[in-house]
Amino acid sequence: MAMDEYLWMVILGFIIAFILAFSVGANDVANSFGTAVGSGVVTLRQACILASIFETTGSVLLGAKVGETIRKGIIDVNLYNETVETLMAGEVSAMVVSGCPDEETC
């Protein structure tokens, strides 16, 4: 199959997406629970449990909508029917760059 040569890009994209989702989720949790834990309203353990439940629930319930928005609302994937590898490389590149902390290091 012709797409077997691009399997490495799919795997790399999955790894980058996982790391990016983990770091964005950690930032969301820090913003959401930082004050509550700091003031002593909830313990760190309670905050971690609540964050795990709600971050997972949110990603399961809304993840498909995010994917649909990217697929239909941001780019027209039909433009890349003949050059799928270009779309794949662009998506992986966008994920890598979105994880950069500032312009100087990327």
PDB file of N, CA and C in Angstrom:
ATOM      1  N   MET A   1       0.839  -1.188   0.000  1.00  0.00           N
ATOM      2  CA  MET A   1       0.000   0.000   0.000  1.00  0.00           C
ATOM      3  C   MET A   1       0.879   1.245   0.000  1.00  0.00           C
ATOM      4  N   ALA A   2       0.474   2.269  -0.701  1.00  0.00           N
ATOM      5  CA  ALA A   2       1.283   3.476  -0.859  1.00  0.00           C
ATOM      6  C   ALA A   2       1.418   4.266   0.437  1.00  0.00           C
ATOM      7  N   MET A   3       0.453   4.168   1.325  1.00  0.00           N
ATOM      8  CA  MET A   3       0.492   4.961   2.548  1.00  0.00           C
ATOM      9  C   MET A   3       1.408   4.362   3.612  1.00  0.00           C
ATOM     10  N   ASP A   4       1.892   3.140   3.411  1.00  0.00           N
ATOM     11  CA  ASP A   4       2.789   2.537   4.390  1.00  0.00           C
ATOM     12  C   ASP A   4       4.065   3.345   4.574  1.00  0.00           C
ATOM     13  N   GLU A   5       4.495   4.023   3.547  1.00  0.00           N
ATOM     14  CA  GLU A   5       5.718   4.822   3.668  1.00  0.00           C
ATOM     15  C   GLU A   5       5.509   6.066   4.521  1.00  0.00           C
ATOM     16  N   TYR A   6       4.259   6.429   4.789  1.00  0.00           N
ATOM     17  CA  TYR A   6       3.971   7.594   5.628  1.00  0.00           C
ATOM     18  C   TYR A   6       3.496   7.203   7.019  1.00  0.00           C
ATOM     19  N   LEU A   7       3.589   5.933   7.357  1.00  0.00           N
ATOM     20  CA  LEU A   7       3.182   5.480   8.677  1.00  0.00           C
ATOM     21  C   LEU A   7       4.005   6.152   9.773  1.00  0.00           C
ATOM     22  N   TRP A   8       5.266   6.403   9.515  1.00  0.00           N
ATOM     23  CA  TRP A   8       6.109   7.064  10.499  1.00  0.00           C
ATOM     24  C   TRP A   8       5.578   8.459  10.832  1.00  0.00           C
ATOM     25  N   MET A   9       4.989   9.138   9.835  1.00  0.00           N
ATOM     26  CA  MET A   9       4.459  10.470  10.071  1.00  0.00           C
ATOM     27  C   MET A   9       3.194  10.405  10.940  1.00  0.00           C
ATOM     28  N   VAL A  10       2.404   9.374  10.753  1.00  0.00           N
ATOM     29  CA  VAL A  10       1.211   9.186  11.576  1.00  0.00           C
ATOM     30  C   VAL A  10       1.615   8.905  13.022  1.00  0.00           C
ATOM     31  N   ILE A  11       2.602   8.052  13.208  1.00  0.00           N
ATOM     32  CA  ILE A  11       3.072   7.722  14.556  1.00  0.00           C
ATOM     33  C   ILE A  11       3.691   8.944  15.222  1.00  0.00           C
ATOM     34  N   LEU A  12       4.523   9.673  14.500  1.00  0.00           N
ATOM     35  CA  LEU A  12       5.122  10.886  15.036  1.00  0.00           C
ATOM     36  C   LEU A  12       4.044  11.906  15.387  1.00  0.00           C
ATOM     37  N   GLY A  13       3.059  12.060  14.517  1.00  0.00           N
ATOM     38  CA  GLY A  13       1.956  12.974  14.781  1.00  0.00           C
ATOM     39  C   GLY A  13       1.180  12.585  16.026  1.00  0.00           C
ATOM     40  N   PHE A  14       0.954  11.282  16.221  1.00  0.00           N
ATOM     41  CA  PHE A  14       0.251  10.810  17.414  1.00  0.00           C
ATOM     42  C   PHE A  14       1.047  11.134  18.672  1.00  0.00           C
ATOM     43  N   ILE A  15       2.343  10.902  18.648  1.00  0.00           N
ATOM     44  CA  ILE A  15       3.185  11.177  19.816  1.00  0.00           C
ATOM     45  C   ILE A  15       3.186  12.670  20.131  1.00  0.00           C
ATOM     46  N   ILE A  16       3.353  13.494  19.109  1.00  0.00           N
ATOM     47  CA  ILE A  16       3.358  14.949  19.319  1.00  0.00           C
ATOM     48  C   ILE A  16       1.996  15.417  19.823  1.00  0.00           C
ATOM     49  N   ALA A  17       0.912  14.894  19.256  1.00  0.00           N
ATOM     50  CA  ALA A  17      -0.436  15.277  19.692  1.00  0.00           C
ATOM     51  C   ALA A  17      -0.671  14.886  21.141  1.00  0.00           C
ATOM     52  N   PHE A  18      -0.184  13.721  21.542  1.00  0.00           N
ATOM     53  CA  PHE A  18      -0.346  13.279  22.924  1.00  0.00           C
ATOM     54  C   PHE A  18       0.391  14.217  23.872  1.00  0.00           C
ATOM     55  N   ILE A  19       1.629  14.531  23.558  1.00  0.00           N
ATOM     56  CA  ILE A  19       2.418  15.428  24.409  1.00  0.00           C
ATOM     57  C   ILE A  19       1.792  16.809  24.458  1.00  0.00           C
ATOM     58  N   LEU A  20       1.340  17.303  23.314  1.00  0.00           N
ATOM     59  CA  LEU A  20       0.719  18.621  23.251  1.00  0.00           C
ATOM     60  C   LEU A  20      -0.580  18.648  24.060  1.00  0.00           C
ATOM     61  N   ALA A  21      -1.408  17.619  23.934  1.00  0.00           N
ATOM     62  CA  ALA A  21      -2.657  17.554  24.694  1.00  0.00           C
ATOM     63  C   ALA A  21      -2.376  17.467  26.194  1.00  0.00           C
ATOM     64  N   PHE A  22      -1.347  16.717  26.554  1.00  0.00           N
ATOM     65  CA  PHE A  22      -0.978  16.597  27.964  1.00  0.00           C
ATOM     66  C   PHE A  22      -0.548  17.948  28.521  1.00  0.00           C
ATOM     67  N   SER A  23       0.279  18.682  27.780  1.00  0.00           N
ATOM     68  CA  SER A  23       0.772  19.967  28.284  1.00  0.00           C
ATOM     69  C   SER A  23      -0.323  21.027  28.304  1.00  0.00           C
ATOM     70  N   VAL A  24      -1.189  21.045  27.299  1.00  0.00           N
ATOM     71  CA  VAL A  24      -2.294  22.004  27.298  1.00  0.00           C
ATOM     72  C   VAL A  24      -3.262  21.682  28.429  1.00  0.00           C
ATOM     73  N   GLY A  25      -3.540  20.407  28.644  1.00  0.00           N
ATOM     74  CA  GLY A  25      -4.402  20.002  29.745  1.00  0.00           C
ATOM     75  C   GLY A  25      -3.817  20.365  31.098  1.00  0.00           C
ATOM     76  N   ALA A  26      -2.518  20.186  31.253  1.00  0.00           N
ATOM     77  CA  ALA A  26      -1.865  20.553  32.512  1.00  0.00           C
ATOM     78  C   ALA A  26      -1.963  22.057  32.756  1.00  0.00           C
ATOM     79  N   ASN A  27      -1.821  22.841  31.704  1.00  0.00           N
ATOM     80  CA  ASN A  27      -1.958  24.291  31.843  1.00  0.00           C
ATOM     81  C   ASN A  27      -3.392  24.660  32.220  1.00  0.00           C
ATOM     82  N   ASP A  28      -4.376  24.003  31.605  1.00  0.00           N
ATOM     83  CA  ASP A  28      -5.784  24.248  31.951  1.00  0.00           C
ATOM     84  C   ASP A  28      -6.049  23.929  33.417  1.00  0.00           C
ATOM     85  N   VAL A  29      -5.516  22.811  33.874  1.00  0.00           N
ATOM     86  CA  VAL A  29      -5.725  22.403  35.264  1.00  0.00           C
ATOM     87  C   VAL A  29      -5.064  23.394  36.215  1.00  0.00           C
ATOM     88  N   ALA A  30      -3.866  23.831  35.893  1.00  0.00           N
ATOM     89  CA  ALA A  30      -3.178  24.803  36.752  1.00  0.00           C
ATOM     90  C   ALA A  30      -3.969  26.095  36.845  1.00  0.00           C
ATOM     91  N   ASN A  31      -4.524  26.546  35.710  1.00  0.00           N
ATOM     92  CA  ASN A  31      -5.331  27.767  35.727  1.00  0.00           C
ATOM     93  C   ASN A  31      -6.629  27.570  36.507  1.00  0.00           C
ATOM     94  N   SER A  32      -7.231  26.400  36.370  1.00  0.00           N
ATOM     95  CA  SER A  32      -8.523  26.148  37.013  1.00  0.00           C
ATOM     96  C   SER A  32      -8.411  25.917  38.516  1.00  0.00           C
ATOM     97  N   PHE A  33      -7.437  25.147  38.922  1.00  0.00           N
ATOM     98  CA  PHE A  33      -7.373  24.716  40.311  1.00  0.00           C
ATOM     99  C   PHE A  33      -6.279  25.397  41.132  1.00  0.00           C
ATOM    100  N   GLY A  34      -5.469  26.218  40.519  1.00  0.00           N
ATOM    101  CA  GLY A  34      -4.364  26.845  41.247  1.00  0.00           C
ATOM    102  C   GLY A  34      -4.814  27.638  42.454  1.00  0.00           C
ATOM    103  N   THR A  35      -5.807  28.468  42.276  1.00  0.00           N
ATOM    104  CA  THR A  35      -6.304  29.295  43.371  1.00  0.00           C
ATOM    105  C   THR A  35      -7.000  28.453  44.428  1.00  0.00           C
ATOM    106  N   ALA A  36      -7.791  27.469  43.993  1.00  0.00           N
ATOM    107  CA  ALA A  36      -8.521  26.629  44.952  1.00  0.00           C
ATOM    108  C   ALA A  36      -7.565  25.810  45.814  1.00  0.00           C
ATOM    109  N   VAL A  37      -6.523  25.273  45.213  1.00  0.00           N
ATOM    110  CA  VAL A  37      -5.539  24.499  45.982  1.00  0.00           C
ATOM    111  C   VAL A  37      -4.714  25.444  46.857  1.00  0.00           C
ATOM    112  N   GLY A  38      -4.334  26.580  46.303  1.00  0.00           N
ATOM    113  CA  GLY A  38      -3.538  27.538  47.069  1.00  0.00           C
ATOM    114  C   GLY A  38      -4.258  28.067  48.297  1.00  0.00           C
ATOM    115  N   SER A  39      -5.563  28.255  48.196  1.00  0.00           N
ATOM    116  CA  SER A  39      -6.332  28.771  49.334  1.00  0.00           C
ATOM    117  C   SER A  39      -6.760  27.675  50.295  1.00  0.00           C
ATOM    118  N   GLY A  40      -6.572  26.414  49.904  1.00  0.00           N
ATOM    119  CA  GLY A  40      -6.892  25.303  50.781  1.00  0.00           C
ATOM    120  C   GLY A  40      -8.321  24.800  50.666  1.00  0.00           C
ATOM    121  N   VAL A  41      -9.070  25.272  49.676  1.00  0.00           N
ATOM    122  CA  VAL A  41     -10.447  24.813  49.492  1.00  0.00           C
ATOM    123  C   VAL A  41     -10.478  23.339  49.099  1.00  0.00           C
ATOM    124  N   VAL A  42      -9.591  22.938  48.205  1.00  0.00           N
ATOM    125  CA  VAL A  42      -9.447  21.530  47.839  1.00  0.00           C
ATOM    126  C   VAL A  42      -7.986  21.140  48.019  1.00  0.00           C
ATOM    127  N   THR A  43      -7.772  19.870  48.290  1.00  0.00           N
ATOM    128  CA  THR A  43      -6.396  19.391  48.403  1.00  0.00           C
ATOM    129  C   THR A  43      -5.836  19.139  47.012  1.00  0.00           C
ATOM    130  N   LEU A  44      -4.553  18.965  46.935  1.00  0.00           N
ATOM    131  CA  LEU A  44      -3.915  18.666  45.653  1.00  0.00           C
ATOM    132  C   LEU A  44      -4.436  17.343  45.098  1.00  0.00           C
ATOM    133  N   ARG A  45      -4.632  16.371  45.949  1.00  0.00           N
ATOM    134  CA  ARG A  45      -5.166  15.074  45.514  1.00  0.00           C
ATOM    135  C   ARG A  45      -6.576  15.223  44.940  1.00  0.00           C
ATOM    136  N   GLN A  46      -7.441  15.980  45.613  1.00  0.00           N
ATOM    137  CA  GLN A  46      -8.794  16.207  45.116  1.00  0.00           C
ATOM    138  C   GLN A  46      -8.779  16.936  43.779  1.00  0.00           C
ATOM    139  N   ALA A  47      -7.909  17.915  43.649  1.00  0.00           N
ATOM    140  CA  ALA A  47      -7.806  18.666  42.394  1.00  0.00           C
ATOM    141  C   ALA A  47      -7.366  17.753  41.256  1.00  0.00           C
ATOM    142  N   CYS A  48      -6.420  16.869  41.522  1.00  0.00           N
ATOM    143  CA  CYS A  48      -5.955  15.931  40.486  1.00  0.00           C
ATOM    144  C   CYS A  48      -7.060  14.975  40.067  1.00  0.00           C
ATOM    145  N   ILE A  49      -7.837  14.484  41.034  1.00  0.00           N
ATOM    146  CA  ILE A  49      -8.939  13.576  40.712  1.00  0.00           C
ATOM    147  C   ILE A  49     -10.007  14.296  39.899  1.00  0.00           C
ATOM    148  N   LEU A  50     -10.419  15.479  40.359  1.00  0.00           N
ATOM    149  CA  LEU A  50     -11.424  16.253  39.622  1.00  0.00           C
ATOM    150  C   LEU A  50     -10.943  16.607  38.221  1.00  0.00           C
ATOM    151  N   ALA A  51      -9.698  17.025  38.115  1.00  0.00           N
ATOM    152  CA  ALA A  51      -9.149  17.394  36.807  1.00  0.00           C
ATOM    153  C   ALA A  51      -9.115  16.191  35.871  1.00  0.00           C
ATOM    154  N   SER A  52      -8.725  15.038  36.388  1.00  0.00           N
ATOM    155  CA  SER A  52      -8.687  13.829  35.556  1.00  0.00           C
ATOM    156  C   SER A  52     -10.067  13.485  35.027  1.00  0.00           C
ATOM    157  N   ILE A  53     -11.053  13.574  35.888  1.00  0.00           N
ATOM    158  CA  ILE A  53     -12.424  13.238  35.486  1.00  0.00           C
ATOM    159  C   ILE A  53     -12.917  14.224  34.419  1.00  0.00           C
ATOM    160  N   PHE A  54     -12.788  15.509  34.689  1.00  0.00           N
ATOM    161  CA  PHE A  54     -13.386  16.496  33.794  1.00  0.00           C
ATOM    162  C   PHE A  54     -12.587  16.725  32.522  1.00  0.00           C
ATOM    163  N   GLU A  55     -11.289  16.623  32.575  1.00  0.00           N
ATOM    164  CA  GLU A  55     -10.493  16.743  31.348  1.00  0.00           C
ATOM    165  C   GLU A  55     -10.766  15.561  30.416  1.00  0.00           C
ATOM    166  N   THR A  56     -10.849  14.364  30.978  1.00  0.00           N
ATOM    167  CA  THR A  56     -11.142  13.185  30.161  1.00  0.00           C
ATOM    168  C   THR A  56     -12.551  13.248  29.596  1.00  0.00           C
ATOM    169  N   THR A  57     -13.509  13.610  30.430  1.00  0.00           N
ATOM    170  CA  THR A  57     -14.895  13.728  29.969  1.00  0.00           C
ATOM    171  C   THR A  57     -15.007  14.766  28.854  1.00  0.00           C
ATOM    172  N   GLY A  58     -14.365  15.897  29.028  1.00  0.00           N
ATOM    173  CA  GLY A  58     -14.418  16.943  28.009  1.00  0.00           C
ATOM    174  C   GLY A  58     -13.802  16.504  26.698  1.00  0.00           C
ATOM    175  N   SER A  59     -12.689  15.806  26.774  1.00  0.00           N
ATOM    176  CA  SER A  59     -12.052  15.372  25.525  1.00  0.00           C
ATOM    177  C   SER A  59     -12.869  14.294  24.819  1.00  0.00           C
ATOM    178  N   VAL A  60     -13.510  13.410  25.590  1.00  0.00           N
ATOM    179  CA  VAL A  60     -14.328  12.365  24.978  1.00  0.00           C
ATOM    180  C   VAL A  60     -15.590  12.961  24.351  1.00  0.00           C
ATOM    181  N   LEU A  61     -16.234  13.877  25.063  1.00  0.00           N
ATOM    182  CA  LEU A  61     -17.492  14.438  24.577  1.00  0.00           C
ATOM    183  C   LEU A  61     -17.305  15.462  23.461  1.00  0.00           C
ATOM    184  N   LEU A  62     -16.222  16.230  23.499  1.00  0.00           N
ATOM    185  CA  LEU A  62     -16.050  17.323  22.546  1.00  0.00           C
ATOM    186  C   LEU A  62     -14.931  17.113  21.540  1.00  0.00           C
ATOM    187  N   GLY A  63     -14.160  16.049  21.683  1.00  0.00           N
ATOM    188  CA  GLY A  63     -13.031  15.805  20.782  1.00  0.00           C
ATOM    189  C   GLY A  63     -13.430  15.671  19.330  1.00  0.00           C
ATOM    190  N   ALA A  64     -14.546  15.015  19.075  1.00  0.00           N
ATOM    191  CA  ALA A  64     -15.007  14.839  17.691  1.00  0.00           C
ATOM    192  C   ALA A  64     -15.398  16.172  17.069  1.00  0.00           C
ATOM    193  N   LYS A  65     -15.983  17.054  17.855  1.00  0.00           N
ATOM    194  CA  LYS A  65     -16.364  18.375  17.338  1.00  0.00           C
ATOM    195  C   LYS A  65     -15.136  19.201  16.976  1.00  0.00           C
ATOM    196  N   VAL A  66     -14.095  19.088  17.775  1.00  0.00           N
ATOM    197  CA  VAL A  66     -12.856  19.805  17.468  1.00  0.00           C
ATOM    198  C   VAL A  66     -12.261  19.284  16.163  1.00  0.00           C
ATOM    199  N   GLY A  67     -12.230  17.972  16.016  1.00  0.00           N
ATOM    200  CA  GLY A  67     -11.728  17.384  14.780  1.00  0.00           C
ATOM    201  C   GLY A  67     -12.548  17.793  13.574  1.00  0.00           C
ATOM    202  N   GLU A  68     -13.867  17.854  13.750  1.00  0.00           N
ATOM    203  CA  GLU A  68     -14.747  18.271  12.657  1.00  0.00           C
ATOM    204  C   GLU A  68     -14.522  19.732  12.287  1.00  0.00           C
ATOM    205  N   THR A  69     -14.299  20.570  13.290  1.00  0.00           N
ATOM    206  CA  THR A  69     -14.029  21.984  13.016  1.00  0.00           C
ATOM    207  C   THR A  69     -12.742  22.148  12.229  1.00  0.00           C
ATOM    208  N   ILE A  70     -11.723  21.400  12.599  1.00  0.00           N
ATOM    209  CA  ILE A  70     -10.459  21.481  11.875  1.00  0.00           C
ATOM    210  C   ILE A  70     -10.643  20.972  10.447  1.00  0.00           C
ATOM    211  N   ARG A  71     -11.370  19.873  10.303  1.00  0.00           N
ATOM    212  CA  ARG A  71     -11.553  19.253   8.991  1.00  0.00           C
ATOM    213  C   ARG A  71     -12.432  20.088   8.070  1.00  0.00           C
ATOM    214  N   LYS A  72     -13.484  20.698   8.602  1.00  0.00           N
ATOM    215  CA  LYS A  72     -14.430  21.416   7.754  1.00  0.00           C
ATOM    216  C   LYS A  72     -14.353  22.930   7.892  1.00  0.00           C
ATOM    217  N   GLY A  73     -13.965  23.434   9.056  1.00  0.00           N
ATOM    218  CA  GLY A  73     -14.053  24.866   9.305  1.00  0.00           C
ATOM    219  C   GLY A  73     -12.767  25.634   9.117  1.00  0.00           C
ATOM    220  N   ILE A  74     -11.624  24.963   9.130  1.00  0.00           N
ATOM    221  CA  ILE A  74     -10.354  25.680   9.036  1.00  0.00           C
ATOM    222  C   ILE A  74      -9.693  25.462   7.684  1.00  0.00           C
ATOM    223  N   ILE A  75      -9.574  24.217   7.284  1.00  0.00           N
ATOM    224  CA  ILE A  75      -8.966  23.926   5.990  1.00  0.00           C
ATOM    225  C   ILE A  75      -9.903  23.035   5.174  1.00  0.00           C
ATOM    226  N   ASP A  76      -9.779  23.119   3.881  1.00  0.00           N
ATOM    227  CA  ASP A  76     -10.541  22.250   2.995  1.00  0.00           C
ATOM    228  C   ASP A  76      -9.632  21.088   2.603  1.00  0.00           C
ATOM    229  N   VAL A  77      -9.859  19.925   3.232  1.00  0.00           N
ATOM    230  CA  VAL A  77      -8.987  18.782   2.994  1.00  0.00           C
ATOM    231  C   VAL A  77      -9.116  18.246   1.573  1.00  0.00           C
ATOM    232  N   ASN A  78     -10.191  18.581   0.895  1.00  0.00           N
ATOM    233  CA  ASN A  78     -10.361  18.125  -0.491  1.00  0.00           C
ATOM    234  C   ASN A  78      -9.318  18.736  -1.424  1.00  0.00           C
ATOM    235  N   LEU A  79      -8.724  19.840  -1.030  1.00  0.00           N
ATOM    236  CA  LEU A  79      -7.662  20.447  -1.833  1.00  0.00           C
ATOM    237  C   LEU A  79      -6.408  19.581  -1.866  1.00  0.00           C
ATOM    238  N   TYR A  80      -6.298  18.656  -0.919  1.00  0.00           N
ATOM    239  CA  TYR A  80      -5.095  17.833  -0.779  1.00  0.00           C
ATOM    240  C   TYR A  80      -5.336  16.382  -1.189  1.00  0.00           C
ATOM    241  N   ASN A  81      -6.364  16.106  -1.974  1.00  0.00           N
ATOM    242  CA  ASN A  81      -6.650  14.730  -2.384  1.00  0.00           C
ATOM    243  C   ASN A  81      -5.495  14.096  -3.149  1.00  0.00           C
ATOM    244  N   GLU A  82      -4.802  14.871  -3.933  1.00  0.00           N
ATOM    245  CA  GLU A  82      -3.685  14.349  -4.733  1.00  0.00           C
ATOM    246  C   GLU A  82      -2.356  14.377  -3.977  1.00  0.00           C
ATOM    247  N   THR A  83      -2.245  15.219  -2.974  1.00  0.00           N
ATOM    248  CA  THR A  83      -0.990  15.366  -2.220  1.00  0.00           C
ATOM    249  C   THR A  83      -1.257  15.214  -0.728  1.00  0.00           C
ATOM    250  N   VAL A  84      -1.659  14.015  -0.336  1.00  0.00           N
ATOM    251  CA  VAL A  84      -1.990  13.736   1.055  1.00  0.00           C
ATOM    252  C   VAL A  84      -0.770  13.933   1.951  1.00  0.00           C
ATOM    253  N   GLU A  85       0.397  13.578   1.459  1.00  0.00           N
ATOM    254  CA  GLU A  85       1.612  13.713   2.284  1.00  0.00           C
ATOM    255  C   GLU A  85       1.893  15.169   2.634  1.00  0.00           C
ATOM    256  N   THR A  86       1.521  16.105   1.777  1.00  0.00           N
ATOM    257  CA  THR A  86       1.694  17.524   2.078  1.00  0.00           C
ATOM    258  C   THR A  86       0.790  17.935   3.230  1.00  0.00           C
ATOM    259  N   LEU A  87      -0.442  17.473   3.213  1.00  0.00           N
ATOM    260  CA  LEU A  87      -1.365  17.760   4.314  1.00  0.00           C
ATOM    261  C   LEU A  87      -0.869  17.143   5.611  1.00  0.00           C
ATOM    262  N   MET A  88      -0.389  15.913   5.546  1.00  0.00           N
ATOM    263  CA  MET A  88       0.124  15.249   6.749  1.00  0.00           C
ATOM    264  C   MET A  88       1.318  15.989   7.319  1.00  0.00           C
ATOM    265  N   ALA A  89       2.236  16.375   6.468  1.00  0.00           N
ATOM    266  CA  ALA A  89       3.420  17.111   6.929  1.00  0.00           C
ATOM    267  C   ALA A  89       3.026  18.462   7.515  1.00  0.00           C
ATOM    268  N   GLY A  90       2.062  19.119   6.906  1.00  0.00           N
ATOM    269  CA  GLY A  90       1.593  20.406   7.422  1.00  0.00           C
ATOM    270  C   GLY A  90       0.950  20.281   8.785  1.00  0.00           C
ATOM    271  N   GLU A  91       0.149  19.240   8.974  1.00  0.00           N
ATOM    272  CA  GLU A  91      -0.514  19.029  10.264  1.00  0.00           C
ATOM    273  C   GLU A  91       0.503  18.712  11.362  1.00  0.00           C
ATOM    274  N   VAL A  92       1.464  17.854  11.059  1.00  0.00           N
ATOM    275  CA  VAL A  92       2.498  17.517  12.046  1.00  0.00           C
ATOM    276  C   VAL A  92       3.338  18.751  12.360  1.00  0.00           C
ATOM    277  N   SER A  93       3.676  19.525  11.350  1.00  0.00           N
ATOM    278  CA  SER A  93       4.450  20.752  11.562  1.00  0.00           C
ATOM    279  C   SER A  93       3.686  21.743  12.422  1.00  0.00           C
ATOM    280  N   ALA A  94       2.397  21.881  12.183  1.00  0.00           N
ATOM    281  CA  ALA A  94       1.577  22.801  12.982  1.00  0.00           C
ATOM    282  C   ALA A  94       1.543  22.376  14.444  1.00  0.00           C
ATOM    283  N   MET A  95       1.478  21.065  14.697  1.00  0.00           N
ATOM    284  CA  MET A  95       1.483  20.593  16.080  1.00  0.00           C
ATOM    285  C   MET A  95       2.821  20.858  16.756  1.00  0.00           C
ATOM    286  N   VAL A  96       3.910  20.654  16.026  1.00  0.00           N
ATOM    287  CA  VAL A  96       5.234  20.903  16.598  1.00  0.00           C
ATOM    288  C   VAL A  96       5.389  22.372  16.967  1.00  0.00           C
ATOM    289  N   VAL A  97       5.008  23.246  16.062  1.00  0.00           N
ATOM    290  CA  VAL A  97       5.172  24.679  16.294  1.00  0.00           C
ATOM    291  C   VAL A  97       4.245  25.160  17.403  1.00  0.00           C
ATOM    292  N   SER A  98       3.065  24.583  17.534  1.00  0.00           N
ATOM    293  CA  SER A  98       2.156  25.028  18.573  1.00  0.00           C
ATOM    294  C   SER A  98       2.672  24.676  19.971  1.00  0.00           C
ATOM    295  N   GLY A  99       3.606  23.773  20.048  1.00  0.00           N
ATOM    296  CA  GLY A  99       4.205  23.432  21.342  1.00  0.00           C
ATOM    297  C   GLY A  99       5.421  24.250  21.694  1.00  0.00           C
ATOM    298  N   CYS A 100       5.844  25.145  20.818  1.00  0.00           N
ATOM    299  CA  CYS A 100       7.030  25.965  21.091  1.00  0.00           C
ATOM    300  C   CYS A 100       6.707  27.072  22.084  1.00  0.00           C
ATOM    301  N   PRO A 101       7.550  27.270  23.083  1.00  0.00           N
ATOM    302  CA  PRO A 101       7.272  28.291  24.088  1.00  0.00           C
ATOM    303  C   PRO A 101       7.429  29.727  23.578  1.00  0.00           C
ATOM    304  N   ASP A 102       8.352  29.957  22.678  1.00  0.00           N
ATOM    305  CA  ASP A 102       8.506  31.297  22.128  1.00  0.00           C
ATOM    306  C   ASP A 102       9.167  31.215  20.752  1.00  0.00           C
ATOM    307  N   GLU A 103       9.238  32.342  20.061  1.00  0.00           N
ATOM    308  CA  GLU A 103       9.738  32.348  18.697  1.00  0.00           C
ATOM    309  C   GLU A 103      11.230  32.061  18.593  1.00  0.00           C
ATOM    310  N   GLU A 104      11.980  32.415  19.613  1.00  0.00           N
ATOM    311  CA  GLU A 104      13.431  32.287  19.539  1.00  0.00           C
ATOM    312  C   GLU A 104      13.913  30.845  19.597  1.00  0.00           C
ATOM    313  N   THR A 105      13.160  29.971  20.261  1.00  0.00           N
ATOM    314  CA  THR A 105      13.610  28.585  20.401  1.00  0.00           C
ATOM    315  C   THR A 105      13.123  27.692  19.283  1.00  0.00           C
ATOM    316  N   CYS A 106      12.209  28.176  18.447  1.00  0.00           N
ATOM    317  CA  CYS A 106      11.655  27.338  17.387  1.00  0.00           C
ATOM    318  C   CYS A 106      12.145  27.755  16.023  1.00  0.00           C
TER     319      CYS A 106
END
